Amino acid sequence: MNNQTNVVLPAWIYEQAKDKEELKQLVIDFIEPRYEGYTIKKITKDFAVCERGD
């Protein structure tokens, strides 16, 4: 069973981030409260590739 999913990220995250480290933190801050049990594996231009901890 594939527990990988793509979470679409809002444009404001990319607009607000000044560098890659800030981008990572903004993505974490966005995903953790909304998608409990998801682990971020990769961040792309439009979405975060996550693994669900089912």
PDB file of N, CA and C in Angstrom:
ATOM      1  N   MET A   1       0.843  -1.185   0.000  1.00  0.00           N
ATOM      2  CA  MET A   1       0.000   0.000   0.000  1.00  0.00           C
ATOM      3  C   MET A   1       0.883   1.242   0.000  1.00  0.00           C
ATOM      4  N   ASN A   2       0.571   2.168  -0.866  1.00  0.00           N
ATOM      5  CA  ASN A   2       1.344   3.402  -1.002  1.00  0.00           C
ATOM      6  C   ASN A   2       0.742   4.472  -0.100  1.00  0.00           C
ATOM      7  N   ASN A   3       1.510   4.919   0.875  1.00  0.00           N
ATOM      8  CA  ASN A   3       1.039   5.946   1.799  1.00  0.00           C
ATOM      9  C   ASN A   3       1.544   7.326   1.435  1.00  0.00           C
ATOM     10  N   GLN A   4       1.996   7.497   0.210  1.00  0.00           N
ATOM     11  CA  GLN A   4       2.519   8.786  -0.233  1.00  0.00           C
ATOM     12  C   GLN A   4       1.396   9.626  -0.826  1.00  0.00           C
ATOM     13  N   THR A   5       1.405  10.903  -0.497  1.00  0.00           N
ATOM     14  CA  THR A   5       0.382  11.809  -1.014  1.00  0.00           C
ATOM     15  C   THR A   5       1.010  13.176  -1.271  1.00  0.00           C
ATOM     16  N   ASN A   6       0.401  13.940  -2.162  1.00  0.00           N
ATOM     17  CA  ASN A   6       0.858  15.292  -2.462  1.00  0.00           C
ATOM     18  C   ASN A   6      -0.097  16.295  -1.834  1.00  0.00           C
ATOM     19  N   VAL A   7       0.466  17.238  -1.096  1.00  0.00           N
ATOM     20  CA  VAL A   7      -0.327  18.286  -0.465  1.00  0.00           C
ATOM     21  C   VAL A   7      -0.037  19.587  -1.218  1.00  0.00           C
ATOM     22  N   VAL A   8      -1.074  20.157  -1.821  1.00  0.00           N
ATOM     23  CA  VAL A   8      -0.918  21.419  -2.545  1.00  0.00           C
ATOM     24  C   VAL A   8      -0.626  22.536  -1.550  1.00  0.00           C
ATOM     25  N   LEU A   9       0.409  23.313  -1.849  1.00  0.00           N
ATOM     26  CA  LEU A   9       0.807  24.407  -0.961  1.00  0.00           C
ATOM     27  C   LEU A   9       0.282  25.727  -1.495  1.00  0.00           C
ATOM     28  N   PRO A  10      -0.165  26.601  -0.608  1.00  0.00           N
ATOM     29  CA  PRO A  10      -0.665  27.907  -1.048  1.00  0.00           C
ATOM     30  C   PRO A  10       0.467  28.798  -1.548  1.00  0.00           C
ATOM     31  N   ALA A  11       0.133  29.682  -2.463  1.00  0.00           N
ATOM     32  CA  ALA A  11       1.125  30.566  -3.079  1.00  0.00           C
ATOM     33  C   ALA A  11       1.816  31.465  -2.067  1.00  0.00           C
ATOM     34  N   TRP A  12       1.115  31.848  -0.988  1.00  0.00           N
ATOM     35  CA  TRP A  12       1.713  32.776  -0.027  1.00  0.00           C
ATOM     36  C   TRP A  12       2.963  32.205   0.631  1.00  0.00           C
ATOM     37  N   ILE A  13       3.068  30.894   0.715  1.00  0.00           N
ATOM     38  CA  ILE A  13       4.267  30.289   1.303  1.00  0.00           C
ATOM     39  C   ILE A  13       5.495  30.644   0.469  1.00  0.00           C
ATOM     40  N   TYR A  14       5.364  30.520  -0.837  1.00  0.00           N
ATOM     41  CA  TYR A  14       6.498  30.824  -1.720  1.00  0.00           C
ATOM     42  C   TYR A  14       6.772  32.324  -1.774  1.00  0.00           C
ATOM     43  N   GLU A  15       5.725  33.120  -1.695  1.00  0.00           N
ATOM     44  CA  GLU A  15       5.889  34.574  -1.721  1.00  0.00           C
ATOM     45  C   GLU A  15       6.552  35.086  -0.451  1.00  0.00           C
ATOM     46  N   GLN A  16       6.241  34.479   0.670  1.00  0.00           N
ATOM     47  CA  GLN A  16       6.747  34.938   1.962  1.00  0.00           C
ATOM     48  C   GLN A  16       8.169  34.450   2.254  1.00  0.00           C
ATOM     49  N   ALA A  17       8.532  33.287   1.745  1.00  0.00           N
ATOM     50  CA  ALA A  17       9.838  32.692   2.050  1.00  0.00           C
ATOM     51  C   ALA A  17      10.971  33.475   1.400  1.00  0.00           C
ATOM     52  N   LYS A  18      11.970  33.790   2.214  1.00  0.00           N
ATOM     53  CA  LYS A  18      13.125  34.537   1.716  1.00  0.00           C
ATOM     54  C   LYS A  18      14.247  33.608   1.259  1.00  0.00           C
ATOM     55  N   ASP A  19      14.255  32.379   1.772  1.00  0.00           N
ATOM     56  CA  ASP A  19      15.272  31.398   1.400  1.00  0.00           C
ATOM     57  C   ASP A  19      14.725  29.987   1.616  1.00  0.00           C
ATOM     58  N   LYS A  20      15.539  28.977   1.305  1.00  0.00           N
ATOM     59  CA  LYS A  20      15.076  27.587   1.401  1.00  0.00           C
ATOM     60  C   LYS A  20      14.753  27.178   2.833  1.00  0.00           C
ATOM     61  N   GLU A  21      15.530  27.648   3.782  1.00  0.00           N
ATOM     62  CA  GLU A  21      15.278  27.285   5.175  1.00  0.00           C
ATOM     63  C   GLU A  21      13.944  27.849   5.662  1.00  0.00           C
ATOM     64  N   GLU A  22      13.661  29.088   5.296  1.00  0.00           N
ATOM     65  CA  GLU A  22      12.384  29.678   5.685  1.00  0.00           C
ATOM     66  C   GLU A  22      11.229  28.968   4.975  1.00  0.00           C
ATOM     67  N   LEU A  23      11.441  28.587   3.727  1.00  0.00           N
ATOM     68  CA  LEU A  23      10.424  27.846   2.986  1.00  0.00           C
ATOM     69  C   LEU A  23      10.099  26.538   3.702  1.00  0.00           C
ATOM     70  N   LYS A  24      11.131  25.805   4.109  1.00  0.00           N
ATOM     71  CA  LYS A  24      10.920  24.550   4.829  1.00  0.00           C
ATOM     72  C   LYS A  24      10.102  24.778   6.099  1.00  0.00           C
ATOM     73  N   GLN A  25      10.449  25.804   6.844  1.00  0.00           N
ATOM     74  CA  GLN A  25       9.748  26.066   8.100  1.00  0.00           C
ATOM     75  C   GLN A  25       8.296  26.464   7.857  1.00  0.00           C
ATOM     76  N   LEU A  26       8.048  27.275   6.834  1.00  0.00           N
ATOM     77  CA  LEU A  26       6.679  27.672   6.516  1.00  0.00           C
ATOM     78  C   LEU A  26       5.836  26.464   6.099  1.00  0.00           C
ATOM     79  N   VAL A  27       6.439  25.557   5.342  1.00  0.00           N
ATOM     80  CA  VAL A  27       5.723  24.349   4.922  1.00  0.00           C
ATOM     81  C   VAL A  27       5.401  23.485   6.139  1.00  0.00           C
ATOM     82  N   ILE A  28       6.353  23.320   7.035  1.00  0.00           N
ATOM     83  CA  ILE A  28       6.122  22.555   8.265  1.00  0.00           C
ATOM     84  C   ILE A  28       5.001  23.192   9.071  1.00  0.00           C
ATOM     85  N   ASP A  29       5.067  24.508   9.239  1.00  0.00           N
ATOM     86  CA  ASP A  29       4.042  25.222  10.010  1.00  0.00           C
ATOM     87  C   ASP A  29       2.662  25.109   9.364  1.00  0.00           C
ATOM     88  N   PHE A  30       2.611  24.996   8.052  1.00  0.00           N
ATOM     89  CA  PHE A  30       1.339  24.864   7.339  1.00  0.00           C
ATOM     90  C   PHE A  30       0.783  23.441   7.459  1.00  0.00           C
ATOM     91  N   ILE A  31       1.638  22.447   7.282  1.00  0.00           N
ATOM     92  CA  ILE A  31       1.169  21.062   7.198  1.00  0.00           C
ATOM     93  C   ILE A  31       0.888  20.442   8.565  1.00  0.00           C
ATOM     94  N   GLU A  32       1.759  20.636   9.538  1.00  0.00           N
ATOM     95  CA  GLU A  32       1.609  19.924  10.817  1.00  0.00           C
ATOM     96  C   GLU A  32       0.244  20.089  11.484  1.00  0.00           C
ATOM     97  N   PRO A  33      -0.307  21.291  11.607  1.00  0.00           N
ATOM     98  CA  PRO A  33      -1.614  21.385  12.286  1.00  0.00           C
ATOM     99  C   PRO A  33      -2.792  20.894  11.434  1.00  0.00           C
ATOM    100  N   ARG A  34      -2.613  20.850  10.136  1.00  0.00           N
ATOM    101  CA  ARG A  34      -3.719  20.480   9.240  1.00  0.00           C
ATOM    102  C   ARG A  34      -3.723  18.997   8.869  1.00  0.00           C
ATOM    103  N   TYR A  35      -2.554  18.413   8.783  1.00  0.00           N
ATOM    104  CA  TYR A  35      -2.413  17.039   8.313  1.00  0.00           C
ATOM    105  C   TYR A  35      -1.656  16.218   9.353  1.00  0.00           C
ATOM    106  N   GLU A  36      -2.361  15.855  10.410  1.00  0.00           N
ATOM    107  CA  GLU A  36      -1.750  15.098  11.497  1.00  0.00           C
ATOM    108  C   GLU A  36      -1.274  13.734  10.994  1.00  0.00           C
ATOM    109  N   GLY A  37      -0.067  13.378  11.366  1.00  0.00           N
ATOM    110  CA  GLY A  37       0.486  12.092  10.971  1.00  0.00           C
ATOM    111  C   GLY A  37       1.206  12.102   9.636  1.00  0.00           C
ATOM    112  N   TYR A  38       1.291  13.256   8.973  1.00  0.00           N
ATOM    113  CA  TYR A  38       1.997  13.353   7.702  1.00  0.00           C
ATOM    114  C   TYR A  38       3.454  13.724   7.952  1.00  0.00           C
ATOM    115  N   THR A  39       4.361  13.085   7.208  1.00  0.00           N
ATOM    116  CA  THR A  39       5.776  13.405   7.258  1.00  0.00           C
ATOM    117  C   THR A  39       6.174  13.957   5.894  1.00  0.00           C
ATOM    118  N   ILE A  40       6.805  15.122   5.884  1.00  0.00           N
ATOM    119  CA  ILE A  40       7.206  15.757   4.629  1.00  0.00           C
ATOM    120  C   ILE A  40       8.461  15.071   4.111  1.00  0.00           C
ATOM    121  N   LYS A  41       8.390  14.601   2.882  1.00  0.00           N
ATOM    122  CA  LYS A  41       9.525  13.929   2.258  1.00  0.00           C
ATOM    123  C   LYS A  41      10.266  14.848   1.280  1.00  0.00           C
ATOM    124  N   LYS A  42       9.494  15.699   0.586  1.00  0.00           N
ATOM    125  CA  LYS A  42      10.102  16.565  -0.431  1.00  0.00           C
ATOM    126  C   LYS A  42       9.181  17.744  -0.684  1.00  0.00           C
ATOM    127  N   ILE A  43       9.778  18.894  -0.983  1.00  0.00           N
ATOM    128  CA  ILE A  43       9.010  20.082  -1.343  1.00  0.00           C
ATOM    129  C   ILE A  43       9.329  20.412  -2.792  1.00  0.00           C
ATOM    130  N   THR A  44       8.280  20.533  -3.603  1.00  0.00           N
ATOM    131  CA  THR A  44       8.459  20.895  -5.013  1.00  0.00           C
ATOM    132  C   THR A  44       7.862  22.275  -5.240  1.00  0.00           C
ATOM    133  N   LYS A  45       7.758  22.661  -6.485  1.00  0.00           N
ATOM    134  CA  LYS A  45       7.274  24.000  -6.810  1.00  0.00           C
ATOM    135  C   LYS A  45       5.846  24.258  -6.345  1.00  0.00           C
ATOM    136  N   ASP A  46       4.992  23.270  -6.424  1.00  0.00           N
ATOM    137  CA  ASP A  46       3.574  23.477  -6.115  1.00  0.00           C
ATOM    138  C   ASP A  46       3.040  22.672  -4.942  1.00  0.00           C
ATOM    139  N   PHE A  47       3.768  21.673  -4.486  1.00  0.00           N
ATOM    140  CA  PHE A  47       3.235  20.823  -3.436  1.00  0.00           C
ATOM    141  C   PHE A  47       4.333  20.196  -2.593  1.00  0.00           C
ATOM    142  N   ALA A  48       3.906  19.622  -1.478  1.00  0.00           N
ATOM    143  CA  ALA A  48       4.792  18.884  -0.602  1.00  0.00           C
ATOM    144  C   ALA A  48       4.452  17.400  -0.764  1.00  0.00           C
ATOM    145  N   VAL A  49       5.464  16.599  -1.026  1.00  0.00           N
ATOM    146  CA  VAL A  49       5.280  15.161  -1.089  1.00  0.00           C
ATOM    147  C   VAL A  49       5.382  14.651   0.342  1.00  0.00           C
ATOM    148  N   CYS A  50       4.324  14.019   0.796  1.00  0.00           N
ATOM    149  CA  CYS A  50       4.249  13.573   2.197  1.00  0.00           C
ATOM    150  C   CYS A  50       3.968  12.081   2.264  1.00  0.00           C
ATOM    151  N   GLU A  51       4.322  11.513   3.409  1.00  0.00           N
ATOM    152  CA  GLU A  51       3.989  10.139   3.693  1.00  0.00           C
ATOM    153  C   GLU A  51       3.039  10.124   4.880  1.00  0.00           C
ATOM    154  N   ARG A  52       1.962   9.399   4.731  1.00  0.00           N
ATOM    155  CA  ARG A  52       0.979   9.308   5.802  1.00  0.00           C
ATOM    156  C   ARG A  52       1.390   8.212   6.775  1.00  0.00           C
ATOM    157  N   GLY A  53       1.254   8.498   8.046  1.00  0.00           N
ATOM    158  CA  GLY A  53       1.589   7.516   9.068  1.00  0.00           C
ATOM    159  C   GLY A  53       0.388   6.731   9.527  1.00  0.00           C
ATOM    160  N   ASP A  54      -0.262   6.050   8.609  1.00  0.00           N
ATOM    161  CA  ASP A  54      -1.477   5.271   8.930  1.00  0.00           C
ATOM    162  C   ASP A  54      -1.170   4.094   9.807  1.00  0.00           C
TER     163      ASP A  54
END
